[in-house]
Amino acid sequence: MFPSPYYSLLYNLAVISSLSNRKSSIWIQRLYEKALMEKTQNYPILTYVNRQFFICPFSHKLLFYQRLFPLYDRQLFKLCLYTHNELKRKINIIDVGANVGDTIINIGIKDAFYLCIEGDNTFSHYLQKNLKKYHYALEKCFLSDDNEEQPYQITTSKGTGHLVKSDNIVTKLITLDSLIEKKYPNLIFDLIKIDTDGFDFKVIRGAKHSLLKWHPLLFFEWDKATLVEQGEDPLSIFPLLNEIGYSRCILFDNFGNPFGKVESSDSQTLSILIDKTHGEGLPFYYDVLAISEKGLFNIDQLYSLFFEAKHAP
């Protein structure tokens, strides 16, 4: 995997010019969009994220989103830095749907162990290139709420991937609990981050034992469209969270802005919030930080963190 100099240059120029209306910037944007149509989406390119070089597919939208929305994929930096400083030790983080390692690079904390879970071979190959300076383990698998083979296949688009139903391909799925019990039984994890385009609730159900055992911070994507696509009721995970002690949540819009606090038992408010997505001027989805009553931090300690201007460069 050797980054293409031409497409790396074009990608980086397109990112830089994405906020400009100058004729030269518009021309660069059109050239980039045209290149995306010419089967170049998976070309490896070299760019720069959080003070380090970063390799990703030409179609990956991370830097475009962060150019437009400075807090996109950056709130976990504040959360993990606070956790690290308060605990005064190496922290352990699980990244489910680790993609090309971009979330870990945006967190940027070297004094941590990252368990990366990514089932797509292409993304996991990029991840290994990007995380050479980090202490991590990579598990190439797909997580769900049961240990069984099911008719799914991976599909990728715009630098992200997710499982879709298949008529002729069967994929082995496992639970996070079984993976931890088998390979990492002696570790205590402080944070679990989940971004699996509709499989998030299944992953959480398959991590119930781990959540009850460690009471880690839980950060997951809450997207009505992708959940419904996977046959999920978009409210179904919150009664389970409330049952196991994750009674309070902080919501962020898909741009990374803190949106508010909500009780996991408040189904009326949750229903109103999730129904007000995907419209003009509305968030596409939310990220949810669920906090255990038995965890080390409470919601009031954490909430103010996300209004601070400081974030990973």
Protein backbone atom coordinates (compact mmCIF):
# COMPACT_ATOMS: atom_id res chain seq x y z
CA MET A 1 0.00 0.00 0.00
CA PHE A 2 1.83 3.07 -1.26
CA PRO A 3 -0.01 6.42 -1.23
CA SER A 4 -0.57 8.02 -4.62
CA PRO A 5 1.26 11.39 -4.79
CA TYR A 6 -1.21 12.85 -7.30
CA TYR A 7 -4.37 11.80 -5.47
CA SER A 8 -2.84 12.74 -2.10
CA LEU A 9 -2.19 16.24 -3.43
CA LEU A 10 -5.67 16.49 -4.92
CA TYR A 11 -7.30 15.26 -1.70
CA ASN A 12 -5.42 17.71 0.51
CA LEU A 13 -6.08 20.63 -1.83
CA ALA A 14 -9.78 19.70 -1.89
CA VAL A 15 -9.87 19.70 1.92
CA ILE A 16 -8.13 23.08 2.16
CA SER A 17 -10.38 24.64 -0.48
CA SER A 18 -13.64 23.15 0.82
CA LEU A 19 -14.67 26.35 2.63
CA SER A 20 -13.77 28.73 -0.18
CA ASN A 21 -15.92 30.09 -3.00
CA ARG A 22 -12.98 31.23 -5.10
CA LYS A 23 -12.95 30.02 -8.68
CA SER A 24 -9.75 28.05 -8.12
CA SER A 25 -11.27 26.31 -5.10
CA ILE A 26 -14.44 25.43 -6.98
CA TRP A 27 -12.32 24.01 -9.78
CA ILE A 28 -10.37 21.84 -7.30
CA GLN A 29 -13.61 20.59 -5.74
CA ARG A 30 -14.98 19.63 -9.15
CA LEU A 31 -11.76 17.86 -10.02
CA TYR A 32 -11.93 15.91 -6.76
CA GLU A 33 -15.59 14.93 -7.30
CA LYS A 34 -14.82 13.88 -10.87
CA ALA A 35 -11.92 11.72 -9.67
CA LEU A 36 -14.26 10.00 -7.17
CA MET A 37 -16.41 8.91 -10.10
CA GLU A 38 -13.47 7.28 -11.89
CA LYS A 39 -12.99 4.22 -9.66
CA THR A 40 -10.37 5.95 -7.51
CA GLN A 41 -12.30 5.73 -4.23
CA ASN A 42 -10.00 3.11 -2.72
CA TYR A 43 -6.72 4.67 -3.84
CA PRO A 44 -4.53 5.19 -0.74
CA ILE A 45 -3.63 8.80 -0.04
CA LEU A 46 -1.41 10.50 2.53
CA THR A 47 -2.68 13.37 4.63
CA TYR A 48 -2.17 14.82 8.14
CA VAL A 49 -4.39 14.38 11.22
CA ASN A 50 -3.72 15.51 14.79
CA ARG A 51 -0.02 16.16 14.26
CA GLN A 52 0.73 12.92 12.47
CA PHE A 53 0.75 11.53 8.95
CA PHE A 54 -2.36 9.54 8.12
CA ILE A 55 -3.13 7.10 5.32
CA CYS A 56 -6.70 6.57 4.18
CA PRO A 57 -8.75 5.85 1.06
CA PHE A 58 -9.23 8.73 -1.39
CA SER A 59 -12.98 8.66 -0.60
CA HIS A 60 -12.55 9.05 3.17
CA LYS A 61 -14.45 12.14 4.35
CA LEU A 62 -12.90 12.66 7.81
CA LEU A 63 -10.85 15.75 7.00
CA PHE A 64 -13.66 17.33 4.99
CA TYR A 65 -16.03 16.94 7.95
CA GLN A 66 -13.48 18.30 10.41
CA ARG A 67 -12.79 21.24 8.12
CA LEU A 68 -16.49 22.11 8.13
CA PHE A 69 -17.23 21.08 11.73
CA PRO A 70 -14.23 21.52 14.09
CA LEU A 71 -15.70 19.28 16.82
CA TYR A 72 -16.46 16.33 14.52
CA ASP A 73 -14.94 13.13 16.00
CA ARG A 74 -13.07 15.19 18.61
CA GLN A 75 -15.14 15.11 21.79
CA LEU A 76 -13.64 11.76 22.79
CA PHE A 77 -10.27 13.50 23.09
CA LYS A 78 -11.61 15.63 25.95
CA LEU A 79 -13.30 12.67 27.62
CA CYS A 80 -10.27 10.39 27.41
CA LEU A 81 -7.82 13.10 28.48
CA TYR A 82 -9.97 13.86 31.52
CA THR A 83 -10.23 10.16 32.37
CA HIS A 84 -6.48 9.68 31.99
CA ASN A 85 -5.65 12.70 34.16
CA GLU A 86 -8.15 11.78 36.88
CA LEU A 87 -7.13 8.12 37.09
CA LYS A 88 -3.41 8.91 36.81
CA ARG A 89 -2.73 5.67 34.96
CA LYS A 90 -2.80 4.12 31.52
CA ILE A 91 -6.40 3.87 30.36
CA ASN A 92 -7.91 1.05 28.33
CA ILE A 93 -10.29 1.81 25.46
CA ILE A 94 -12.34 -0.41 23.16
CA ASP A 95 -13.00 1.00 19.68
CA VAL A 96 -15.71 -1.03 17.93
CA GLY A 97 -15.81 -0.08 14.26
CA ALA A 98 -12.27 1.26 14.40
CA ASN A 99 -12.19 1.93 10.65
CA VAL A 100 -8.72 3.22 9.66
CA GLY A 101 -7.77 4.27 13.20
CA ASP A 102 -9.02 7.85 12.86
CA THR A 103 -10.85 7.99 16.20
CA ILE A 104 -7.75 6.80 18.04
CA ILE A 105 -5.56 9.33 16.25
CA ASN A 106 -8.02 12.08 17.15
CA ILE A 107 -7.92 10.94 20.79
CA GLY A 108 -4.16 11.06 20.49
CA ILE A 109 -3.29 9.74 23.96
CA LYS A 110 -0.18 7.54 23.84
CA ASP A 111 -0.44 6.38 27.48
CA ALA A 112 -3.39 4.10 26.68
CA PHE A 113 -4.18 0.65 25.35
CA TYR A 114 -6.63 0.50 22.48
CA LEU A 115 -8.53 -2.65 21.58
CA CYS A 116 -9.50 -2.04 17.95
CA ILE A 117 -12.29 -4.11 16.45
CA GLU A 118 -12.62 -3.84 12.68
CA GLY A 119 -13.90 -6.59 10.42
CA ASP A 120 -13.12 -5.00 7.06
CA ASN A 121 -9.72 -6.14 5.76
CA THR A 122 -9.04 -2.96 3.80
CA PHE A 123 -9.77 -0.64 6.72
CA SER A 124 -7.82 -2.81 9.16
CA HIS A 125 -4.79 -2.67 6.86
CA TYR A 126 -4.89 1.13 6.91
CA LEU A 127 -5.35 1.03 10.68
CA GLN A 128 -2.16 -0.94 11.18
CA LYS A 129 -0.24 1.61 9.11
CA ASN A 130 -1.68 4.54 11.07
CA LEU A 131 -1.32 3.23 14.63
CA LYS A 132 2.34 2.21 14.67
CA LYS A 133 3.04 4.68 17.49
CA TYR A 134 0.18 3.45 19.66
CA HIS A 135 -0.20 0.49 22.02
CA TYR A 136 -3.09 -1.43 20.48
CA ALA A 137 -4.45 -4.83 19.57
CA LEU A 138 -6.51 -5.48 16.45
CA GLU A 139 -9.35 -7.99 16.29
CA LYS A 140 -10.58 -8.57 12.74
CA CYS A 141 -14.15 -9.59 13.50
CA PHE A 142 -17.74 -8.40 13.48
CA LEU A 143 -19.69 -7.98 16.72
CA SER A 144 -23.38 -8.58 17.41
CA ASP A 145 -25.63 -9.81 20.23
CA ASP A 146 -25.06 -13.51 19.61
CA ASN A 147 -22.28 -15.90 18.60
CA GLU A 148 -23.42 -17.30 15.29
CA GLU A 149 -23.09 -17.15 11.52
CA GLN A 150 -25.62 -14.91 9.78
CA PRO A 151 -26.32 -13.87 6.17
CA TYR A 152 -24.43 -10.58 6.07
CA GLN A 153 -21.73 -9.03 3.93
CA ILE A 154 -19.66 -5.89 4.33
CA THR A 155 -20.27 -2.90 2.07
CA THR A 156 -18.19 0.29 2.03
CA SER A 157 -18.82 3.84 0.86
CA LYS A 158 -17.18 7.24 1.51
CA GLY A 159 -14.64 5.81 3.91
CA THR A 160 -17.04 3.86 6.09
CA GLY A 161 -18.37 0.31 6.05
CA HIS A 162 -21.29 -1.62 7.47
CA LEU A 163 -22.95 -5.01 7.29
CA VAL A 164 -25.94 -5.57 5.03
CA LYS A 165 -28.14 -8.61 4.49
CA SER A 166 -26.86 -11.07 1.89
CA ASP A 167 -28.44 -13.90 -0.07
CA ASN A 168 -25.25 -15.88 -0.59
CA ILE A 169 -22.60 -14.75 1.91
CA VAL A 170 -22.48 -15.83 5.55
CA THR A 171 -20.46 -13.90 8.14
CA LYS A 172 -19.42 -15.07 11.59
CA LEU A 173 -20.63 -12.72 14.33
CA ILE A 174 -19.52 -12.77 17.97
CA THR A 175 -20.34 -10.82 21.11
CA LEU A 176 -17.95 -8.41 22.77
CA ASP A 177 -18.44 -10.32 26.01
CA SER A 178 -17.22 -13.58 24.47
CA LEU A 179 -14.25 -11.87 22.82
CA ILE A 180 -13.16 -10.27 26.09
CA GLU A 181 -13.67 -13.45 28.11
CA LYS A 182 -11.59 -15.44 25.65
CA LYS A 183 -8.70 -13.07 24.91
CA TYR A 184 -8.65 -10.17 27.40
CA PRO A 185 -10.05 -11.53 30.70
CA ASN A 186 -7.64 -9.64 32.96
CA LEU A 187 -8.08 -6.16 31.52
CA ILE A 188 -10.36 -3.47 32.91
CA PHE A 189 -11.71 -1.18 30.21
CA ASP A 190 -12.55 2.45 30.97
CA LEU A 191 -14.38 3.37 27.76
CA ILE A 192 -16.24 1.51 25.03
CA LYS A 193 -16.83 3.42 21.79
CA ILE A 194 -19.18 1.92 19.18
CA ASP A 195 -19.74 3.16 15.63
CA THR A 196 -21.12 0.36 13.48
CA ASP A 197 -23.78 1.96 11.27
CA GLY A 198 -26.87 0.32 12.71
CA PHE A 199 -25.30 -2.59 14.62
CA ASP A 200 -24.63 -0.41 17.68
CA PHE A 201 -27.58 -1.75 19.71
CA LYS A 202 -26.65 -5.35 18.89
CA VAL A 203 -23.08 -4.69 20.03
CA ILE A 204 -24.31 -3.16 23.31
CA ARG A 205 -26.59 -6.12 24.02
CA GLY A 206 -23.63 -8.40 23.39
CA ALA A 207 -21.55 -6.39 25.87
CA LYS A 208 -23.99 -6.46 28.80
CA HIS A 209 -21.73 -8.55 31.03
CA SER A 210 -18.75 -6.26 30.37
CA LEU A 211 -20.81 -3.15 31.11
CA LEU A 212 -21.99 -4.64 34.41
CA LYS A 213 -18.47 -5.78 35.29
CA TRP A 214 -16.47 -2.57 34.63
CA HIS A 215 -19.10 0.22 34.45
CA PRO A 216 -17.11 1.90 31.68
CA LEU A 217 -18.13 5.05 29.86
CA LEU A 218 -20.18 4.03 26.82
CA PHE A 219 -20.11 6.15 23.67
CA PHE A 220 -22.21 5.02 20.71
CA GLU A 221 -23.90 6.26 17.55
CA TRP A 222 -27.69 6.66 17.62
CA ASP A 223 -28.93 6.86 14.02
CA LYS A 224 -32.58 6.14 13.33
CA ALA A 225 -32.09 5.40 9.61
CA THR A 226 -29.32 2.80 10.04
CA LEU A 227 -31.01 1.20 13.05
CA VAL A 228 -34.29 0.74 11.19
CA GLU A 229 -32.32 -0.71 8.28
CA GLN A 230 -31.09 -3.40 10.68
CA GLY A 231 -34.59 -4.09 12.01
CA GLU A 232 -34.08 -2.20 15.28
CA ASP A 233 -36.54 -0.07 17.21
CA PRO A 234 -34.53 3.17 17.68
CA LEU A 235 -35.59 3.40 21.34
CA SER A 236 -35.05 -0.26 22.29
CA ILE A 237 -31.59 0.03 23.85
CA PHE A 238 -32.48 2.65 26.45
CA PRO A 239 -34.56 0.40 28.75
CA LEU A 240 -31.61 -1.99 28.84
CA LEU A 241 -29.21 0.83 29.65
CA ASN A 242 -31.49 1.97 32.47
CA GLU A 243 -31.79 -1.60 33.76
CA ILE A 244 -28.03 -2.03 34.08
CA GLY A 245 -27.44 1.35 35.73
CA TYR A 246 -26.70 3.61 32.78
CA SER A 247 -29.45 6.00 33.75
CA ARG A 248 -28.06 9.28 32.42
CA CYS A 249 -26.81 10.24 28.98
CA ILE A 250 -25.19 13.17 27.22
CA LEU A 251 -26.18 13.67 23.58
CA PHE A 252 -24.09 15.21 20.79
CA ASP A 253 -25.30 16.07 17.32
CA ASN A 254 -23.52 14.49 14.38
CA PHE A 255 -21.25 17.53 14.11
CA GLY A 256 -19.85 16.94 17.61
CA ASN A 257 -21.73 19.73 19.41
CA PRO A 258 -23.09 18.90 22.88
CA PHE A 259 -26.86 18.70 22.53
CA GLY A 260 -28.06 18.12 26.09
CA LYS A 261 -28.62 15.64 28.89
CA VAL A 262 -31.37 13.03 29.04
CA GLU A 263 -32.44 10.17 31.29
CA SER A 264 -32.37 6.74 29.67
CA SER A 265 -35.80 6.12 31.24
CA ASP A 266 -37.31 9.22 29.59
CA SER A 267 -38.78 7.50 26.55
CA GLN A 268 -40.98 10.48 25.64
CA THR A 269 -38.06 12.90 25.29
CA LEU A 270 -35.93 10.29 23.54
CA SER A 271 -38.72 9.62 21.05
CA ILE A 272 -39.09 13.32 20.27
CA LEU A 273 -35.34 13.71 19.81
CA ILE A 274 -34.85 10.76 17.47
CA ASP A 275 -37.87 11.72 15.39
CA LYS A 276 -36.36 15.16 14.83
CA THR A 277 -33.46 13.97 12.71
CA HIS A 278 -32.74 13.89 8.99
CA GLY A 279 -34.69 17.09 8.32
CA GLU A 280 -33.48 20.44 7.05
CA GLY A 281 -31.45 22.14 9.77
CA LEU A 282 -31.67 19.04 11.98
CA PRO A 283 -28.94 16.59 13.00
CA PHE A 284 -28.60 13.42 10.93
CA TYR A 285 -27.95 11.37 14.05
CA TYR A 286 -26.72 11.66 17.63
CA ASP A 287 -23.75 10.33 19.50
CA VAL A 288 -24.66 9.19 23.01
CA LEU A 289 -22.40 9.12 26.04
CA ALA A 290 -24.07 6.82 28.58
CA ILE A 291 -22.74 7.00 32.13
CA SER A 292 -23.07 4.28 34.75
CA GLU A 293 -24.32 5.12 38.23
CA LYS A 294 -21.51 2.90 39.55
CA GLY A 295 -18.83 4.41 37.34
CA LEU A 296 -16.00 6.62 38.49
CA PHE A 297 -17.50 9.84 37.12
CA ASN A 298 -20.96 11.35 37.18
CA ILE A 299 -22.70 13.28 34.44
CA ASP A 300 -22.19 16.69 36.03
CA GLN A 301 -18.43 16.15 36.21
CA LEU A 302 -18.30 15.34 32.53
CA TYR A 303 -20.88 17.59 30.91
CA SER A 304 -18.93 20.84 31.21
CA LEU A 305 -15.91 19.28 29.47
CA PHE A 306 -17.61 19.39 26.12
CA PHE A 307 -18.13 23.15 26.16
CA GLU A 308 -14.42 23.85 26.49
CA ALA A 309 -12.73 25.27 23.40
CA LYS A 310 -9.74 22.98 23.70
CA HIS A 311 -9.70 20.04 21.31
CA ALA A 312 -7.23 17.94 19.37
CA PRO A 313 -5.69 20.01 16.56
